[in-house]
Amino acid sequence: MVKQILVIEDEPNVAAFISQGLQESGYKVFLAYNGSNGLDLLQQMQIDLVVLDVILPKMDGREVAKRIREMGYTYLPIIMLTALGTTENIVKGLDSGADDYLIKPFKFKELLARIRARTRNKGVPVVNNPKLTLKDLELDTEAKLVTRAGEEISLTSTEFRLLQYLLLNKNKVLNRVDILEKVWDINFNMGTNVVDVYVNYLRNKIDKNFEVKLIHTVIGMGYILK
């Protein structure tokens, strides 16, 4: 089936450029020039992925991403377009619910590669056993539920993918490049510390209130779940 992409971009030239390129690549495209119209379209159509600009009138892209998640589209891929490439701004975008980011200006083929990666569900591999465990930590890949000592832990979609990848590779040291490629499925600028930020988020949620710590730093090498 033809994948349907929602593009929320207020710059007409950029929107037209993206729309034409995607249509020529075999996608069906719906365009919205502000967040409100984008959310309306999302509810009316069967959307497979959202391309979302950060700087929008009235409601910025981060707020739009939050509302998409609040509306129940928990695992709908969102690629955020931003002119702000600092770690702080990238993390803010990911925190709001985005799965990926692309810094303007960008080449269309790079956006297309990101869209293909996200819509074919590459990244964290599918496992036969839906439940991944380590001691009293359990992640249910089907129910999208994480618990520790029987207590439910609320994670964002990015945190969930990161924990899933760590559990799939428990007792193995994972370097930052491996984590970026498998969890985010893109080539992040290694000058940023996005991985470290998200590992700390996980620590605060699954380790902070427990005596036994599961996430460990291996200095100069990366992280291990054990």
Protein backbone atom coordinates (compact mmCIF):
# COMPACT_ATOMS: atom_id res chain seq x y z
CA MET A 1 0.00 0.00 0.00
CA VAL A 2 1.08 3.57 -0.69
CA LYS A 3 2.44 5.25 2.43
CA GLN A 4 0.69 8.48 3.38
CA ILE A 5 2.81 11.34 4.72
CA LEU A 6 1.56 14.42 6.55
CA VAL A 7 3.83 17.45 6.06
CA ILE A 8 3.30 20.34 8.49
CA GLU A 9 5.41 23.23 7.18
CA ASP A 10 4.48 26.93 7.00
CA GLU A 11 7.03 27.97 4.36
CA PRO A 12 5.23 27.43 1.01
CA ASN A 13 8.42 26.89 -0.99
CA VAL A 14 9.78 24.32 1.45
CA ALA A 15 6.40 22.59 1.70
CA ALA A 16 6.10 22.41 -2.09
CA PHE A 17 9.68 21.11 -2.42
CA ILE A 18 9.06 18.31 0.10
CA SER A 19 5.62 17.46 -1.29
CA GLN A 20 6.79 17.21 -4.89
CA GLY A 21 9.79 15.10 -3.98
CA LEU A 22 7.71 12.68 -1.91
CA GLN A 23 5.03 12.34 -4.55
CA GLU A 24 7.66 11.59 -7.19
CA SER A 25 9.06 8.96 -4.81
CA GLY A 26 5.71 7.18 -4.61
CA TYR A 27 4.18 8.63 -1.45
CA LYS A 28 0.78 10.26 -1.01
CA VAL A 29 1.21 13.64 0.67
CA PHE A 30 -1.11 15.79 2.78
CA LEU A 31 0.01 19.37 3.43
CA ALA A 32 -0.78 21.62 6.37
CA TYR A 33 0.66 25.10 6.89
CA ASN A 34 0.02 25.28 10.65
CA GLY A 35 -0.27 22.93 13.60
CA SER A 36 -4.04 23.17 14.03
CA ASN A 37 -4.75 22.17 10.43
CA GLY A 38 -2.16 19.43 10.68
CA LEU A 39 -3.87 17.90 13.72
CA ASP A 40 -7.22 18.05 11.93
CA LEU A 41 -5.80 16.24 8.89
CA LEU A 42 -4.20 13.62 11.12
CA GLN A 43 -7.60 12.70 12.54
CA GLN A 44 -9.22 12.57 9.10
CA MET A 45 -6.62 10.51 7.23
CA GLN A 46 -4.67 7.30 7.76
CA ILE A 47 -1.19 8.79 8.19
CA ASP A 48 1.97 6.67 8.25
CA LEU A 49 4.49 9.40 9.15
CA VAL A 50 4.58 13.11 9.99
CA VAL A 51 7.20 15.59 8.77
CA LEU A 52 6.97 18.49 11.20
CA ASP A 53 8.68 21.87 11.18
CA VAL A 54 9.67 23.29 14.57
CA ILE A 55 8.94 26.94 13.80
CA LEU A 56 5.24 27.28 13.03
CA PRO A 57 2.74 30.12 13.59
CA LYS A 58 0.65 30.12 16.80
CA MET A 59 1.52 26.53 17.81
CA ASP A 60 5.16 25.50 17.36
CA GLY A 61 6.26 22.06 16.23
CA ARG A 62 7.15 20.82 19.71
CA GLU A 63 3.63 21.57 20.94
CA VAL A 64 2.17 19.87 17.87
CA ALA A 65 4.27 16.76 18.56
CA LYS A 66 3.10 16.69 22.19
CA ARG A 67 -0.51 16.92 21.11
CA ILE A 68 -0.07 14.14 18.57
CA ARG A 69 1.15 11.86 21.36
CA GLU A 70 -1.60 13.01 23.72
CA MET A 71 -4.18 12.17 21.04
CA GLY A 72 -3.05 8.56 21.23
CA TYR A 73 -0.69 8.37 18.25
CA THR A 74 2.03 6.98 20.50
CA TYR A 75 4.12 5.20 17.88
CA LEU A 76 3.38 7.29 14.77
CA PRO A 77 6.83 8.30 13.43
CA ILE A 78 7.52 12.04 13.60
CA ILE A 79 10.49 13.59 11.82
CA MET A 80 11.15 17.12 13.03
CA LEU A 81 12.72 19.78 10.83
CA THR A 82 14.76 22.38 12.67
CA ALA A 83 17.23 25.16 12.00
CA LEU A 84 18.46 24.74 15.59
CA GLY A 85 21.05 21.99 15.76
CA THR A 86 22.33 22.23 19.34
CA THR A 87 22.01 19.28 21.72
CA GLU A 88 19.56 21.24 23.87
CA ASN A 89 17.21 21.92 20.97
CA ILE A 90 17.50 18.37 19.62
CA VAL A 91 16.65 16.92 23.02
CA LYS A 92 13.71 19.33 23.40
CA GLY A 93 12.36 18.13 20.08
CA LEU A 94 12.79 14.47 20.99
CA ASP A 95 11.28 15.07 24.42
CA SER A 96 8.18 16.56 22.83
CA GLY A 97 7.56 13.30 21.00
CA ALA A 98 9.64 13.40 17.82
CA ASP A 99 11.51 10.26 16.77
CA ASP A 100 14.03 11.88 14.47
CA TYR A 101 15.31 15.29 13.47
CA LEU A 102 16.78 16.88 10.39
CA ILE A 103 18.64 20.19 10.42
CA LYS A 104 17.81 22.81 7.79
CA PRO A 105 19.02 23.23 5.14
CA PHE A 106 18.98 19.57 4.14
CA LYS A 107 19.17 17.52 0.96
CA PHE A 108 15.93 15.85 -0.05
CA LYS A 109 17.59 12.45 -0.43
CA GLU A 110 18.52 12.61 3.26
CA LEU A 111 14.91 13.28 4.26
CA LEU A 112 13.79 10.47 1.98
CA ALA A 113 16.25 8.06 3.60
CA ARG A 114 14.93 8.98 7.06
CA ILE A 115 11.32 8.46 5.93
CA ARG A 116 12.13 5.08 4.38
CA ALA A 117 13.91 3.98 7.55
CA ARG A 118 11.02 5.01 9.77
CA THR A 119 8.25 3.55 7.62
CA ARG A 120 9.90 0.17 7.24
CA ASN A 121 10.25 -0.18 11.02
CA LYS A 122 13.97 -0.73 10.94
CA GLY A 123 15.98 -0.09 14.09
CA VAL A 124 15.40 -2.17 17.22
CA PRO A 125 14.91 -5.73 15.93
CA VAL A 126 11.68 -7.64 16.39
CA VAL A 127 11.95 -10.41 18.95
CA ASN A 128 10.02 -13.69 19.19
CA ASN A 129 9.50 -13.37 22.93
CA PRO A 130 7.39 -10.25 23.52
CA LYS A 131 8.67 -9.90 27.10
CA LEU A 132 12.24 -8.85 27.84
CA THR A 133 13.45 -9.11 31.43
CA LEU A 134 16.41 -8.44 33.69
CA LYS A 135 15.97 -9.19 37.40
CA ASP A 136 12.76 -7.38 38.39
CA LEU A 137 12.66 -5.20 35.24
CA GLU A 138 10.25 -6.28 32.51
CA LEU A 139 9.47 -4.76 29.10
CA ASP A 140 6.46 -6.03 27.16
CA THR A 141 7.01 -5.25 23.47
CA GLU A 142 3.38 -5.98 22.55
CA ALA A 143 1.62 -4.13 25.35
CA LYS A 144 4.28 -1.36 25.25
CA LEU A 145 4.50 -1.67 29.02
CA VAL A 146 7.52 -1.40 31.33
CA THR A 147 7.50 -2.45 34.98
CA ARG A 148 10.06 -2.82 37.73
CA ALA A 149 9.23 -4.79 40.87
CA GLY A 150 5.66 -4.81 39.59
CA GLU A 151 5.46 -1.02 39.41
CA GLU A 152 4.55 0.47 36.01
CA ILE A 153 7.08 2.94 34.60
CA SER A 154 5.98 5.54 32.05
CA LEU A 155 8.44 6.02 29.17
CA THR A 156 8.43 8.14 26.04
CA SER A 157 8.64 6.31 22.70
CA THR A 158 12.37 7.12 22.44
CA GLU A 159 13.07 5.95 26.00
CA PHE A 160 11.13 2.75 25.29
CA ARG A 161 13.21 1.97 22.18
CA LEU A 162 16.42 2.68 24.06
CA LEU A 163 15.50 0.39 26.94
CA GLN A 164 14.38 -2.30 24.51
CA TYR A 165 17.73 -2.18 22.73
CA LEU A 166 19.62 -2.33 26.03
CA LEU A 167 17.56 -5.34 27.14
CA LEU A 168 18.09 -7.13 23.84
CA ASN A 169 21.82 -6.69 24.44
CA LYS A 170 21.97 -7.09 28.22
CA ASN A 171 25.39 -7.91 29.63
CA LYS A 172 27.01 -6.39 26.51
CA VAL A 173 28.84 -3.05 26.38
CA LEU A 174 27.20 -0.82 23.75
CA ASN A 175 29.01 2.23 22.41
CA ARG A 176 27.23 5.48 21.57
CA VAL A 177 27.48 4.99 17.79
CA ASP A 178 25.77 1.58 18.00
CA ILE A 179 23.00 3.02 20.15
CA LEU A 180 22.43 5.98 17.81
CA GLU A 181 22.25 3.74 14.74
CA LYS A 182 19.93 1.15 16.27
CA VAL A 183 17.65 3.29 18.44
CA TRP A 184 17.42 6.48 16.39
CA ASP A 185 18.34 4.78 13.10
CA ILE A 186 20.08 7.93 11.83
CA ASN A 187 23.55 9.40 11.84
CA PHE A 188 23.45 11.92 14.64
CA ASN A 189 26.20 14.49 15.00
CA MET A 190 28.58 12.79 17.41
CA GLY A 191 29.43 16.21 18.82
CA THR A 192 26.11 16.04 20.68
CA ASN A 193 25.41 14.05 23.84
CA VAL A 194 21.87 12.92 23.06
CA VAL A 195 22.60 9.31 24.06
CA ASP A 196 23.99 10.36 27.44
CA VAL A 197 20.95 12.56 28.06
CA TYR A 198 18.54 9.72 27.34
CA VAL A 199 20.49 7.16 29.35
CA ASN A 200 20.21 9.55 32.29
CA TYR A 201 16.46 9.84 31.68
CA LEU A 202 16.20 6.05 31.88
CA ARG A 203 18.32 5.90 35.00
CA ASN A 204 16.01 8.35 36.74
CA LYS A 205 13.03 6.18 35.88
CA ILE A 206 14.23 2.60 36.33
CA ASP A 207 17.19 2.87 38.76
CA LYS A 208 16.77 5.94 40.95
CA ASN A 209 14.33 4.45 43.47
CA PHE A 210 15.90 1.00 43.59
CA GLU A 211 18.90 -0.26 45.53
CA VAL A 212 20.17 -2.46 42.68
CA LYS A 213 21.26 -0.38 39.70
CA LEU A 214 20.91 -1.94 36.25
CA ILE A 215 22.37 0.70 33.89
CA HIS A 216 26.13 1.09 34.16
CA THR A 217 28.67 3.33 32.44
CA VAL A 218 31.84 1.75 31.08
CA ILE A 219 34.21 4.71 30.92
CA GLY A 220 35.55 5.33 27.44
CA MET A 221 33.42 2.57 25.94
CA GLY A 222 29.70 3.13 26.47
CA TYR A 223 26.88 1.60 28.51
CA ILE A 224 25.82 -1.83 29.71
CA LEU A 225 22.61 -3.17 31.23
CA LYS A 226 23.43 -5.87 33.76
